[in-house]
Amino acid sequence: MENLGLALASDAKRAAALIYQSDAPFYDYWFALPPELVLLNLAQLWQAEAGSYSYRNAQVLRNGDDELIALVFHYAAGYGAQLQVSDEFELGTLALDLSILRERQYQLDFLFPHVPKNAWYLRTIAVDAAHRGQKLGERMLAQVCYAAREAGYASLHVDVDSGNPAALRFYLQHGFEIWVESEVRQLAQFALPASLRLVKALNQLTHT
């Protein structure tokens, strides 16, 4: 069984593609750019030394050729506030209209309810399309649950795009329950569906 390993700044191009594929409608709306430019900005955020998209806050899986094939971002909810401060700085380094970016971020924030301080948050699991069906998502989830339990947390929270039935099915099959559905009317015209907050009690074992 592969273990999650350290991410590298040099993984930027491949990591950006995985992050983008995990929720393309979200990133298309947030950056208000063509996909190729969204990828460039995500790659820059990955290479930053801090922030919620930084390689320093990710863990990865690699294949036998040492190529990145999957990644995950997860952390204690209390750490999220620190990441927001870092994100504000790192976003300011992008060659973008920050007024548009921040206005759209404000709208998107309504899709994601507050995460309780006593919870662990799973922000992203992304697996390369060519390597799906190999239980990589299950392996990463099992290790995330283990890390959260070891840190003393009793629940794991994740937000899932309601327009992504495969992701929703994955989490429901692994012990998560839907707690909240959030929808922003102003975003409906941009084909952004409701967001679902799913919660897993960590006294349940993850299937592997």
N, C-alpha and C. Protein backbone atom coordinates (compact mmCIF):
# COMPACT_ATOMS: atom_id res chain seq x y z
N MET A 1 0.85 -1.20 0.00
CA MET A 1 0.00 0.00 0.00
C MET A 1 0.88 1.25 0.00
N GLU A 2 0.65 2.14 -1.00
CA GLU A 2 1.42 3.37 -1.05
C GLU A 2 1.06 4.28 0.12
N ASN A 3 2.06 4.96 0.65
CA ASN A 3 1.82 5.93 1.71
C ASN A 3 1.91 7.33 1.15
N LEU A 4 1.17 8.23 1.75
CA LEU A 4 1.24 9.63 1.34
C LEU A 4 2.64 10.15 1.61
N GLY A 5 3.18 10.89 0.64
CA GLY A 5 4.52 11.42 0.79
C GLY A 5 4.54 12.93 0.63
N LEU A 6 5.73 13.48 0.70
CA LEU A 6 5.90 14.92 0.59
C LEU A 6 5.67 15.40 -0.83
N ALA A 7 5.04 16.55 -0.94
CA ALA A 7 4.86 17.20 -2.23
C ALA A 7 6.08 18.08 -2.51
N LEU A 8 6.31 18.39 -3.77
CA LEU A 8 7.44 19.22 -4.18
C LEU A 8 6.94 20.42 -4.99
N ALA A 9 7.65 21.52 -4.88
CA ALA A 9 7.30 22.69 -5.68
C ALA A 9 7.35 22.36 -7.17
N SER A 10 8.25 21.46 -7.56
CA SER A 10 8.41 21.08 -8.96
C SER A 10 7.24 20.27 -9.49
N ASP A 11 6.31 19.86 -8.62
CA ASP A 11 5.11 19.14 -9.04
C ASP A 11 4.04 20.09 -9.59
N ALA A 12 4.35 21.36 -9.69
CA ALA A 12 3.33 22.40 -9.91
C ALA A 12 2.41 22.14 -11.09
N LYS A 13 2.95 21.81 -12.25
CA LYS A 13 2.11 21.66 -13.44
C LYS A 13 1.11 20.53 -13.27
N ARG A 14 1.60 19.38 -12.81
CA ARG A 14 0.71 18.22 -12.65
C ARG A 14 -0.27 18.44 -11.50
N ALA A 15 0.21 19.03 -10.42
CA ALA A 15 -0.67 19.30 -9.28
C ALA A 15 -1.78 20.26 -9.67
N ALA A 16 -1.45 21.29 -10.42
CA ALA A 16 -2.46 22.26 -10.84
C ALA A 16 -3.56 21.58 -11.66
N ALA A 17 -3.17 20.65 -12.52
CA ALA A 17 -4.16 19.94 -13.34
C ALA A 17 -5.08 19.09 -12.46
N LEU A 18 -4.51 18.42 -11.45
CA LEU A 18 -5.33 17.61 -10.56
C LEU A 18 -6.28 18.46 -9.74
N ILE A 19 -5.78 19.58 -9.21
CA ILE A 19 -6.62 20.47 -8.42
C ILE A 19 -7.77 21.01 -9.28
N TYR A 20 -7.45 21.43 -10.48
CA TYR A 20 -8.46 21.99 -11.38
C TYR A 20 -9.54 20.96 -11.70
N GLN A 21 -9.11 19.74 -12.00
CA GLN A 21 -10.06 18.68 -12.36
C GLN A 21 -10.97 18.31 -11.20
N SER A 22 -10.53 18.57 -9.98
CA SER A 22 -11.34 18.20 -8.82
C SER A 22 -12.62 19.02 -8.73
N ASP A 23 -12.64 20.22 -9.30
CA ASP A 23 -13.86 21.06 -9.28
C ASP A 23 -13.70 22.18 -10.30
N ALA A 24 -13.67 21.82 -11.57
CA ALA A 24 -13.44 22.80 -12.64
C ALA A 24 -14.44 23.96 -12.63
N PRO A 25 -15.75 23.74 -12.44
CA PRO A 25 -16.69 24.88 -12.43
C PRO A 25 -16.35 25.91 -11.36
N PHE A 26 -15.91 25.45 -10.19
CA PHE A 26 -15.54 26.36 -9.11
C PHE A 26 -14.38 27.25 -9.53
N TYR A 27 -13.32 26.64 -10.08
CA TYR A 27 -12.13 27.42 -10.44
C TYR A 27 -12.37 28.31 -11.66
N ASP A 28 -13.19 27.83 -12.60
CA ASP A 28 -13.52 28.66 -13.76
C ASP A 28 -14.23 29.93 -13.32
N TYR A 29 -15.16 29.78 -12.38
CA TYR A 29 -15.88 30.96 -11.91
C TYR A 29 -14.99 31.87 -11.09
N TRP A 30 -14.24 31.30 -10.16
CA TRP A 30 -13.43 32.09 -9.24
C TRP A 30 -12.41 32.94 -10.00
N PHE A 31 -11.66 32.34 -10.90
CA PHE A 31 -10.62 33.08 -11.61
C PHE A 31 -11.14 33.88 -12.80
N ALA A 32 -12.31 33.51 -13.32
CA ALA A 32 -12.89 34.21 -14.47
C ALA A 32 -11.91 34.27 -15.64
N LEU A 33 -11.27 33.14 -15.91
CA LEU A 33 -10.25 33.05 -16.95
C LEU A 33 -10.44 31.76 -17.74
N PRO A 34 -9.84 31.69 -18.95
CA PRO A 34 -9.84 30.42 -19.69
C PRO A 34 -9.08 29.36 -18.88
N PRO A 35 -9.41 28.09 -19.06
CA PRO A 35 -8.78 27.02 -18.27
C PRO A 35 -7.26 27.04 -18.26
N GLU A 36 -6.64 27.34 -19.41
CA GLU A 36 -5.17 27.32 -19.45
C GLU A 36 -4.56 28.37 -18.51
N LEU A 37 -5.25 29.51 -18.35
CA LEU A 37 -4.76 30.54 -17.44
C LEU A 37 -5.09 30.21 -15.98
N VAL A 38 -6.21 29.53 -15.77
CA VAL A 38 -6.52 29.06 -14.42
C VAL A 38 -5.41 28.12 -13.95
N LEU A 39 -4.98 27.23 -14.84
CA LEU A 39 -3.93 26.27 -14.49
C LEU A 39 -2.62 26.98 -14.15
N LEU A 40 -2.30 28.03 -14.88
CA LEU A 40 -1.07 28.77 -14.59
C LEU A 40 -1.11 29.39 -13.21
N ASN A 41 -2.27 29.93 -12.84
CA ASN A 41 -2.39 30.56 -11.53
C ASN A 41 -2.40 29.53 -10.40
N LEU A 42 -3.03 28.39 -10.63
CA LEU A 42 -3.00 27.34 -9.62
C LEU A 42 -1.58 26.80 -9.43
N ALA A 43 -0.84 26.72 -10.53
CA ALA A 43 0.56 26.28 -10.43
C ALA A 43 1.38 27.27 -9.62
N GLN A 44 1.12 28.56 -9.81
CA GLN A 44 1.86 29.57 -9.03
C GLN A 44 1.51 29.46 -7.55
N LEU A 45 0.24 29.26 -7.25
CA LEU A 45 -0.16 29.12 -5.84
C LEU A 45 0.43 27.86 -5.23
N TRP A 46 0.56 26.80 -6.02
CA TRP A 46 1.18 25.56 -5.54
C TRP A 46 2.64 25.80 -5.16
N GLN A 47 3.35 26.59 -5.92
CA GLN A 47 4.77 26.83 -5.68
C GLN A 47 5.03 27.80 -4.54
N ALA A 48 3.97 28.46 -4.05
CA ALA A 48 4.15 29.41 -2.94
C ALA A 48 4.57 28.67 -1.69
N GLU A 49 5.20 29.39 -0.77
CA GLU A 49 5.68 28.79 0.47
C GLU A 49 4.59 28.66 1.53
N ALA A 50 3.45 29.27 1.30
CA ALA A 50 2.35 29.22 2.26
C ALA A 50 1.03 29.30 1.52
N GLY A 51 -0.06 29.03 2.24
CA GLY A 51 -1.38 29.11 1.64
C GLY A 51 -2.02 27.74 1.46
N SER A 52 -3.33 27.75 1.26
CA SER A 52 -4.06 26.49 1.18
C SER A 52 -3.82 25.71 -0.10
N TYR A 53 -3.13 26.33 -1.08
CA TYR A 53 -2.78 25.61 -2.31
C TYR A 53 -1.29 25.32 -2.38
N SER A 54 -0.55 25.67 -1.36
CA SER A 54 0.89 25.47 -1.36
C SER A 54 1.25 23.99 -1.27
N TYR A 55 2.31 23.62 -1.98
CA TYR A 55 2.81 22.25 -1.91
C TYR A 55 3.17 21.87 -0.48
N ARG A 56 3.49 22.85 0.35
CA ARG A 56 3.87 22.56 1.73
C ARG A 56 2.69 22.05 2.57
N ASN A 57 1.48 22.28 2.08
CA ASN A 57 0.29 21.83 2.81
C ASN A 57 -0.40 20.66 2.12
N ALA A 58 0.27 20.04 1.18
CA ALA A 58 -0.29 18.90 0.46
C ALA A 58 0.51 17.64 0.73
N GLN A 59 -0.13 16.51 0.51
CA GLN A 59 0.55 15.22 0.50
C GLN A 59 0.21 14.55 -0.83
N VAL A 60 1.09 13.70 -1.30
CA VAL A 60 0.90 13.14 -2.64
C VAL A 60 1.19 11.64 -2.68
N LEU A 61 0.69 11.02 -3.73
CA LEU A 61 1.05 9.66 -4.09
C LEU A 61 1.77 9.71 -5.43
N ARG A 62 2.79 8.87 -5.60
CA ARG A 62 3.55 8.80 -6.85
C ARG A 62 3.55 7.38 -7.38
N ASN A 63 3.72 7.25 -8.70
CA ASN A 63 3.82 5.91 -9.28
C ASN A 63 5.27 5.46 -9.29
N GLY A 64 5.53 4.32 -9.94
CA GLY A 64 6.87 3.77 -9.96
C GLY A 64 7.89 4.65 -10.67
N ASP A 65 7.41 5.56 -11.52
CA ASP A 65 8.30 6.49 -12.22
C ASP A 65 8.46 7.80 -11.46
N ASP A 66 8.00 7.82 -10.21
CA ASP A 66 8.07 9.00 -9.32
C ASP A 66 7.22 10.15 -9.85
N GLU A 67 6.20 9.82 -10.62
CA GLU A 67 5.30 10.84 -11.16
C GLU A 67 4.10 11.01 -10.23
N LEU A 68 3.73 12.24 -9.95
CA LEU A 68 2.59 12.52 -9.08
C LEU A 68 1.31 12.01 -9.73
N ILE A 69 0.56 11.17 -9.01
CA ILE A 69 -0.68 10.62 -9.57
C ILE A 69 -1.90 10.95 -8.72
N ALA A 70 -1.70 11.47 -7.51
CA ALA A 70 -2.82 11.84 -6.65
C ALA A 70 -2.32 12.77 -5.56
N LEU A 71 -3.23 13.58 -5.05
CA LEU A 71 -2.86 14.50 -3.97
C LEU A 71 -4.03 14.72 -3.03
N VAL A 72 -3.70 15.21 -1.85
CA VAL A 72 -4.73 15.50 -0.86
C VAL A 72 -4.30 16.69 -0.02
N PHE A 73 -5.28 17.52 0.34
CA PHE A 73 -5.10 18.61 1.31
C PHE A 73 -6.04 18.33 2.48
N HIS A 74 -5.52 18.30 3.69
CA HIS A 74 -6.36 18.09 4.87
C HIS A 74 -5.65 18.69 6.08
N TYR A 75 -6.44 19.13 7.06
CA TYR A 75 -5.86 19.81 8.21
C TYR A 75 -6.90 20.01 9.30
N ALA A 76 -6.44 20.31 10.50
CA ALA A 76 -7.33 20.67 11.60
C ALA A 76 -8.07 21.96 11.24
N ALA A 77 -9.34 22.01 11.59
CA ALA A 77 -10.15 23.18 11.22
C ALA A 77 -9.53 24.48 11.72
N GLY A 78 -8.93 24.46 12.90
CA GLY A 78 -8.33 25.67 13.44
C GLY A 78 -7.21 26.22 12.59
N TYR A 79 -6.57 25.35 11.81
CA TYR A 79 -5.48 25.79 10.94
C TYR A 79 -6.02 26.55 9.72
N GLY A 80 -7.32 26.38 9.44
CA GLY A 80 -7.91 27.04 8.29
C GLY A 80 -7.80 28.55 8.35
N ALA A 81 -7.91 29.13 9.56
CA ALA A 81 -7.81 30.59 9.70
C ALA A 81 -6.43 31.08 9.30
N GLN A 82 -5.38 30.33 9.66
CA GLN A 82 -4.03 30.70 9.26
C GLN A 82 -3.87 30.64 7.75
N LEU A 83 -4.48 29.63 7.15
CA LEU A 83 -4.39 29.48 5.70
C LEU A 83 -5.08 30.65 4.98
N GLN A 84 -6.18 31.12 5.53
CA GLN A 84 -6.88 32.24 4.91
C GLN A 84 -6.01 33.49 4.87
N VAL A 85 -5.27 33.73 5.94
CA VAL A 85 -4.36 34.88 5.98
C VAL A 85 -3.28 34.73 4.91
N SER A 86 -2.70 33.54 4.82
CA SER A 86 -1.67 33.29 3.82
C SER A 86 -2.23 33.40 2.41
N ASP A 87 -3.46 32.91 2.21
CA ASP A 87 -4.09 32.97 0.88
C ASP A 87 -4.25 34.41 0.43
N GLU A 88 -4.65 35.27 1.35
CA GLU A 88 -4.85 36.68 0.98
C GLU A 88 -3.57 37.28 0.43
N PHE A 89 -2.45 36.95 1.04
CA PHE A 89 -1.16 37.45 0.56
C PHE A 89 -0.80 36.83 -0.77
N GLU A 90 -0.91 35.50 -0.88
CA GLU A 90 -0.50 34.81 -2.10
C GLU A 90 -1.36 35.19 -3.29
N LEU A 91 -2.64 35.40 -3.08
CA LEU A 91 -3.50 35.83 -4.18
C LEU A 91 -3.09 37.19 -4.70
N GLY A 92 -2.57 38.02 -3.80
CA GLY A 92 -2.11 39.34 -4.21
C GLY A 92 -0.89 39.31 -5.11
N THR A 93 -0.21 38.17 -5.19
CA THR A 93 0.96 38.06 -6.07
C THR A 93 0.59 37.64 -7.49
N LEU A 94 -0.68 37.28 -7.71
CA LEU A 94 -1.10 36.84 -9.03
C LEU A 94 -1.37 38.04 -9.93
N ALA A 95 -1.14 37.87 -11.21
CA ALA A 95 -1.37 38.95 -12.18
C ALA A 95 -2.84 38.94 -12.60
N LEU A 96 -3.70 39.27 -11.64
CA LEU A 96 -5.13 39.24 -11.86
C LEU A 96 -5.78 40.50 -11.33
N ASP A 97 -7.04 40.72 -11.73
CA ASP A 97 -7.83 41.81 -11.16
C ASP A 97 -8.33 41.33 -9.80
N LEU A 98 -7.68 41.77 -8.73
CA LEU A 98 -8.01 41.26 -7.41
C LEU A 98 -9.41 41.65 -6.95
N SER A 99 -9.94 42.75 -7.47
CA SER A 99 -11.29 43.14 -7.06
C SER A 99 -12.31 42.10 -7.53
N ILE A 100 -12.12 41.58 -8.74
CA ILE A 100 -13.02 40.54 -9.26
C ILE A 100 -12.82 39.24 -8.48
N LEU A 101 -11.56 38.89 -8.27
CA LEU A 101 -11.24 37.65 -7.57
C LEU A 101 -11.84 37.65 -6.17
N ARG A 102 -11.70 38.76 -5.45
CA ARG A 102 -12.19 38.83 -4.07
C ARG A 102 -13.72 38.87 -4.02
N GLU A 103 -14.34 39.55 -4.97
CA GLU A 103 -15.80 39.58 -5.01
C GLU A 103 -16.36 38.18 -5.26
N ARG A 104 -15.73 37.46 -6.15
CA ARG A 104 -16.20 36.10 -6.44
C ARG A 104 -15.90 35.16 -5.28
N GLN A 105 -14.77 35.37 -4.61
CA GLN A 105 -14.46 34.57 -3.44
C GLN A 105 -15.52 34.79 -2.35
N TYR A 106 -15.94 36.03 -2.18
CA TYR A 106 -16.97 36.35 -1.19
C TYR A 106 -18.25 35.58 -1.48
N GLN A 107 -18.64 35.52 -2.76
CA GLN A 107 -19.85 34.78 -3.13
C GLN A 107 -19.67 33.28 -2.92
N LEU A 108 -18.51 32.76 -3.30
CA LEU A 108 -18.25 31.33 -3.18
C LEU A 108 -18.21 30.88 -1.72
N ASP A 109 -17.78 31.76 -0.84
CA ASP A 109 -17.68 31.40 0.57
C ASP A 109 -19.01 30.95 1.16
N PHE A 110 -20.12 31.45 0.59
CA PHE A 110 -21.43 31.07 1.10
C PHE A 110 -21.76 29.60 0.82
N LEU A 111 -21.03 28.98 -0.09
CA LEU A 111 -21.26 27.57 -0.39
C LEU A 111 -20.69 26.65 0.68
N PHE A 112 -19.80 27.20 1.51
CA PHE A 112 -19.06 26.34 2.44
C PHE A 112 -19.30 26.77 3.88
N PRO A 113 -20.10 26.01 4.62
CA PRO A 113 -20.39 26.36 6.02
C PRO A 113 -19.13 26.36 6.88
N HIS A 114 -19.25 26.99 8.02
CA HIS A 114 -18.16 27.02 9.00
C HIS A 114 -17.81 25.60 9.43
N VAL A 115 -16.51 25.35 9.58
CA VAL A 115 -16.05 24.05 10.08
C VAL A 115 -15.77 24.20 11.57
N PRO A 116 -16.41 23.41 12.42
CA PRO A 116 -16.18 23.52 13.87
C PRO A 116 -14.71 23.31 14.22
N LYS A 117 -14.26 23.99 15.26
CA LYS A 117 -12.85 23.90 15.64
C LYS A 117 -12.44 22.50 16.08
N ASN A 118 -13.41 21.70 16.50
CA ASN A 118 -13.07 20.36 16.96
C ASN A 118 -13.14 19.31 15.84
N ALA A 119 -13.19 19.79 14.59
CA ALA A 119 -13.27 18.89 13.43
C ALA A 119 -11.99 18.94 12.61
N TRP A 120 -11.77 17.89 11.86
CA TRP A 120 -10.68 17.83 10.88
C TRP A 120 -11.32 18.08 9.52
N TYR A 121 -10.62 18.82 8.66
CA TYR A 121 -11.21 19.18 7.36
C TYR A 121 -10.43 18.56 6.21
N LEU A 122 -11.15 17.91 5.33
CA LEU A 122 -10.58 17.35 4.11
C LEU A 122 -10.98 18.27 2.96
N ARG A 123 -10.03 19.03 2.45
CA ARG A 123 -10.38 20.03 1.43
C ARG A 123 -10.41 19.45 0.03
N THR A 124 -9.44 18.60 -0.30
CA THR A 124 -9.37 18.06 -1.65
C THR A 124 -8.72 16.68 -1.66
N ILE A 125 -9.35 15.75 -2.35
CA ILE A 125 -8.68 14.53 -2.80
C ILE A 125 -8.79 14.53 -4.31
N ALA A 126 -7.67 14.40 -4.99
CA ALA A 126 -7.67 14.40 -6.45
C ALA A 126 -6.80 13.27 -6.96
N VAL A 127 -7.35 12.47 -7.87
CA VAL A 127 -6.64 11.33 -8.45
C VAL A 127 -6.60 11.49 -9.96
N ASP A 128 -5.43 11.31 -10.54
CA ASP A 128 -5.27 11.38 -11.99
C ASP A 128 -6.23 10.40 -12.68
N ALA A 129 -6.88 10.85 -13.74
CA ALA A 129 -7.89 10.04 -14.41
C ALA A 129 -7.36 8.68 -14.86
N ALA A 130 -6.11 8.64 -15.29
CA ALA A 130 -5.52 7.40 -15.78
C ALA A 130 -5.27 6.38 -14.67
N HIS A 131 -5.37 6.82 -13.41
CA HIS A 131 -5.07 5.94 -12.28
C HIS A 131 -6.29 5.72 -11.39
N ARG A 132 -7.46 6.11 -11.87
CA ARG A 132 -8.66 5.84 -11.09
C ARG A 132 -9.02 4.36 -11.19
N GLY A 133 -9.79 3.89 -10.23
CA GLY A 133 -10.14 2.48 -10.21
C GLY A 133 -9.11 1.62 -9.52
N GLN A 134 -8.09 2.24 -8.94
CA GLN A 134 -7.03 1.51 -8.24
C GLN A 134 -7.09 1.71 -6.73
N LYS A 135 -8.23 2.22 -6.26
CA LYS A 135 -8.46 2.44 -4.83
C LYS A 135 -7.51 3.46 -4.21
N LEU A 136 -6.97 4.36 -5.03
CA LEU A 136 -6.07 5.39 -4.48
C LEU A 136 -6.84 6.35 -3.57
N GLY A 137 -8.06 6.70 -3.98
CA GLY A 137 -8.87 7.58 -3.14
C GLY A 137 -9.14 6.96 -1.79
N GLU A 138 -9.47 5.65 -1.78
CA GLU A 138 -9.72 4.96 -0.52
C GLU A 138 -8.48 4.94 0.36
N ARG A 139 -7.32 4.73 -0.25
CA ARG A 139 -6.07 4.67 0.52
C ARG A 139 -5.75 6.03 1.14
N MET A 140 -5.93 7.08 0.35
CA MET A 140 -5.66 8.41 0.90
C MET A 140 -6.65 8.75 2.01
N LEU A 141 -7.92 8.43 1.80
CA LEU A 141 -8.93 8.71 2.81
C LEU A 141 -8.62 7.98 4.11
N ALA A 142 -8.20 6.72 4.00
CA ALA A 142 -7.86 5.95 5.20
C ALA A 142 -6.73 6.62 5.97
N GLN A 143 -5.75 7.15 5.26
CA GLN A 143 -4.62 7.78 5.93
C GLN A 143 -5.00 9.14 6.51
N VAL A 144 -5.92 9.84 5.85
CA VAL A 144 -6.43 11.10 6.40
C VAL A 144 -7.18 10.82 7.70
N CYS A 145 -8.04 9.81 7.70
CA CYS A 145 -8.78 9.46 8.91
C CYS A 145 -7.84 9.07 10.03
N TYR A 146 -6.81 8.33 9.70
CA TYR A 146 -5.83 7.92 10.72
C TYR A 146 -5.15 9.15 11.32
N ALA A 147 -4.73 10.09 10.47
CA ALA A 147 -4.06 11.29 10.95
C ALA A 147 -4.98 12.10 11.86
N ALA A 148 -6.25 12.21 11.47
CA ALA A 148 -7.21 12.98 12.27
C ALA A 148 -7.45 12.32 13.63
N ARG A 149 -7.60 11.00 13.62
CA ARG A 149 -7.80 10.29 14.88
C ARG A 149 -6.59 10.44 15.79
N GLU A 150 -5.40 10.29 15.21
CA GLU A 150 -4.18 10.39 16.00
C GLU A 150 -4.04 11.78 16.62
N ALA A 151 -4.56 12.79 15.93
CA ALA A 151 -4.50 14.16 16.45
C ALA A 151 -5.61 14.45 17.45
N GLY A 152 -6.49 13.46 17.67
CA GLY A 152 -7.52 13.61 18.69
C GLY A 152 -8.85 14.15 18.20
N TYR A 153 -9.08 14.13 16.89
CA TYR A 153 -10.33 14.67 16.34
C TYR A 153 -11.35 13.56 16.15
N ALA A 154 -12.63 13.89 16.37
CA ALA A 154 -13.69 12.89 16.35
C ALA A 154 -14.51 12.90 15.07
N SER A 155 -14.34 13.92 14.23
CA SER A 155 -15.13 13.96 12.99
C SER A 155 -14.31 14.57 11.87
N LEU A 156 -14.66 14.14 10.65
CA LEU A 156 -14.00 14.61 9.44
C LEU A 156 -15.05 15.26 8.55
N HIS A 157 -14.79 16.50 8.12
CA HIS A 157 -15.73 17.25 7.28
C HIS A 157 -15.16 17.40 5.87
N VAL A 158 -16.04 17.37 4.88
CA VAL A 158 -15.63 17.60 3.50
C VAL A 158 -16.79 18.26 2.76
N ASP A 159 -16.49 19.13 1.80
CA ASP A 159 -17.51 19.75 0.96
C ASP A 159 -17.44 19.14 -0.43
N VAL A 160 -18.61 18.77 -0.96
CA VAL A 160 -18.70 18.11 -2.26
C VAL A 160 -19.67 18.85 -3.14
N ASP A 161 -19.28 19.09 -4.37
CA ASP A 161 -20.14 19.70 -5.38
C ASP A 161 -21.29 18.73 -5.67
N SER A 162 -22.53 19.18 -5.51
CA SER A 162 -23.67 18.30 -5.74
C SER A 162 -23.77 17.86 -7.20
N GLY A 163 -23.06 18.55 -8.08
CA GLY A 163 -23.04 18.17 -9.49
C GLY A 163 -21.97 17.14 -9.81
N ASN A 164 -21.33 16.60 -8.78
CA ASN A 164 -20.30 15.58 -8.95
C ASN A 164 -20.75 14.28 -8.28
N PRO A 165 -21.62 13.51 -8.97
CA PRO A 165 -22.19 12.32 -8.34
C PRO A 165 -21.15 11.26 -7.98
N ALA A 166 -20.07 11.17 -8.74
CA ALA A 166 -19.04 10.17 -8.44
C ALA A 166 -18.38 10.46 -7.10
N ALA A 167 -18.05 11.74 -6.86
CA ALA A 167 -17.43 12.13 -5.59
C ALA A 167 -18.40 11.92 -4.44
N LEU A 168 -19.66 12.31 -4.65
CA LEU A 168 -20.66 12.14 -3.60
C LEU A 168 -20.82 10.66 -3.25
N ARG A 169 -20.90 9.82 -4.26
CA ARG A 169 -21.04 8.38 -4.03
C ARG A 169 -19.84 7.83 -3.26
N PHE A 170 -18.65 8.28 -3.61
CA PHE A 170 -17.42 7.83 -2.95
C PHE A 170 -17.50 8.10 -1.44
N TYR A 171 -17.85 9.31 -1.07
CA TYR A 171 -17.87 9.66 0.35
C TYR A 171 -19.01 8.96 1.10
N LEU A 172 -20.17 8.84 0.47
CA LEU A 172 -21.27 8.15 1.13
C LEU A 172 -20.94 6.68 1.36
N GLN A 173 -20.21 6.09 0.43
CA GLN A 173 -19.82 4.68 0.58
C GLN A 173 -18.78 4.48 1.68
N HIS A 174 -18.13 5.58 2.09
CA HIS A 174 -17.08 5.47 3.09
C HIS A 174 -17.46 6.13 4.41
N GLY A 175 -18.73 6.08 4.72
CA GLY A 175 -19.17 6.45 6.06
C GLY A 175 -19.54 7.90 6.30
N PHE A 176 -19.55 8.73 5.25
CA PHE A 176 -19.96 10.13 5.42
C PHE A 176 -21.47 10.26 5.32
N GLU A 177 -22.00 11.29 5.96
CA GLU A 177 -23.41 11.62 5.88
C GLU A 177 -23.56 13.08 5.46
N ILE A 178 -24.60 13.37 4.69
CA ILE A 178 -24.87 14.75 4.28
C ILE A 178 -25.49 15.49 5.46
N TRP A 179 -24.88 16.61 5.84
CA TRP A 179 -25.39 17.42 6.95
C TRP A 179 -26.04 18.72 6.46
N VAL A 180 -25.45 19.34 5.47
CA VAL A 180 -25.93 20.65 5.02
C VAL A 180 -25.84 20.75 3.50
N GLU A 181 -26.84 21.37 2.90
CA GLU A 181 -26.79 21.70 1.47
C GLU A 181 -26.84 23.21 1.34
N SER A 182 -25.85 23.78 0.66
CA SER A 182 -25.76 25.24 0.51
C SER A 182 -25.85 25.62 -0.95
N GLU A 183 -26.71 26.59 -1.24
CA GLU A 183 -26.88 27.06 -2.62
C GLU A 183 -26.89 28.58 -2.64
N VAL A 184 -26.23 29.17 -3.61
CA VAL A 184 -26.19 30.62 -3.77
C VAL A 184 -26.91 30.96 -5.07
N ARG A 185 -28.04 31.65 -4.97
CA ARG A 185 -28.87 31.90 -6.15
C ARG A 185 -28.12 32.67 -7.23
N GLN A 186 -27.29 33.61 -6.80
CA GLN A 186 -26.57 34.44 -7.77
C GLN A 186 -25.59 33.62 -8.61
N LEU A 187 -25.23 32.43 -8.13
CA LEU A 187 -24.26 31.61 -8.85
C LEU A 187 -24.90 30.61 -9.78
N ALA A 188 -26.22 30.48 -9.71
CA ALA A 188 -26.90 29.49 -10.55
C ALA A 188 -26.69 29.76 -12.04
N GLN A 189 -26.63 31.04 -12.41
CA GLN A 189 -26.45 31.38 -13.82
C GLN A 189 -25.07 30.98 -14.34
N PHE A 190 -24.15 30.68 -13.44
CA PHE A 190 -22.81 30.26 -13.84
C PHE A 190 -22.63 28.74 -13.73
N ALA A 191 -23.77 28.03 -13.64
CA ALA A 191 -23.77 26.57 -13.60
C ALA A 191 -23.01 26.03 -12.38
N LEU A 192 -23.05 26.79 -11.29
CA LEU A 192 -22.45 26.31 -10.05
C LEU A 192 -23.55 25.72 -9.17
N PRO A 193 -23.56 24.40 -9.01
CA PRO A 193 -24.63 23.76 -8.23
C PRO A 193 -24.43 23.95 -6.74
N ALA A 194 -25.35 23.41 -5.99
CA ALA A 194 -25.26 23.47 -4.53
C ALA A 194 -24.04 22.70 -4.05
N SER A 195 -23.57 23.08 -2.87
CA SER A 195 -22.46 22.38 -2.23
C SER A 195 -23.00 21.58 -1.05
N LEU A 196 -22.50 20.38 -0.89
CA LEU A 196 -22.94 19.51 0.19
C LEU A 196 -21.84 19.36 1.23
N ARG A 197 -22.14 19.63 2.49
CA ARG A 197 -21.20 19.37 3.58
C ARG A 197 -21.48 17.96 4.10
N LEU A 198 -20.47 17.12 4.00
CA LEU A 198 -20.56 15.75 4.48
C LEU A 198 -19.67 15.60 5.71
N VAL A 199 -20.13 14.78 6.65
CA VAL A 199 -19.40 14.58 7.89
C VAL A 199 -19.29 13.08 8.18
N LYS A 200 -18.12 12.68 8.62
CA LYS A 200 -17.87 11.29 9.00
C LYS A 200 -17.41 11.25 10.46
N ALA A 201 -18.06 10.40 11.25
CA ALA A 201 -17.61 10.18 12.62
C ALA A 201 -16.40 9.27 12.57
N LEU A 202 -15.33 9.66 13.22
CA LEU A 202 -14.06 8.94 13.08
C LEU A 202 -13.94 7.73 13.98
N ASN A 203 -15.02 7.36 14.67
CA ASN A 203 -14.99 6.09 15.37
C ASN A 203 -15.41 4.96 14.44
N GLN A 204 -15.76 5.34 13.18
CA GLN A 204 -16.07 4.33 12.17
C GLN A 204 -14.80 4.00 11.41
N LEU A 205 -14.65 2.76 11.03
CA LEU A 205 -13.49 2.35 10.25
C LEU A 205 -13.72 2.68 8.79
N THR A 206 -12.65 3.13 8.11
CA THR A 206 -12.72 3.41 6.68
C THR A 206 -12.51 2.12 5.91
N HIS A 207 -13.31 1.86 4.89
CA HIS A 207 -13.13 0.66 4.08
C HIS A 207 -11.86 0.78 3.26
N THR A 208 -11.09 -0.27 3.10
CA THR A 208 -9.88 -0.27 2.28
C THR A 208 -9.88 -1.49 1.39
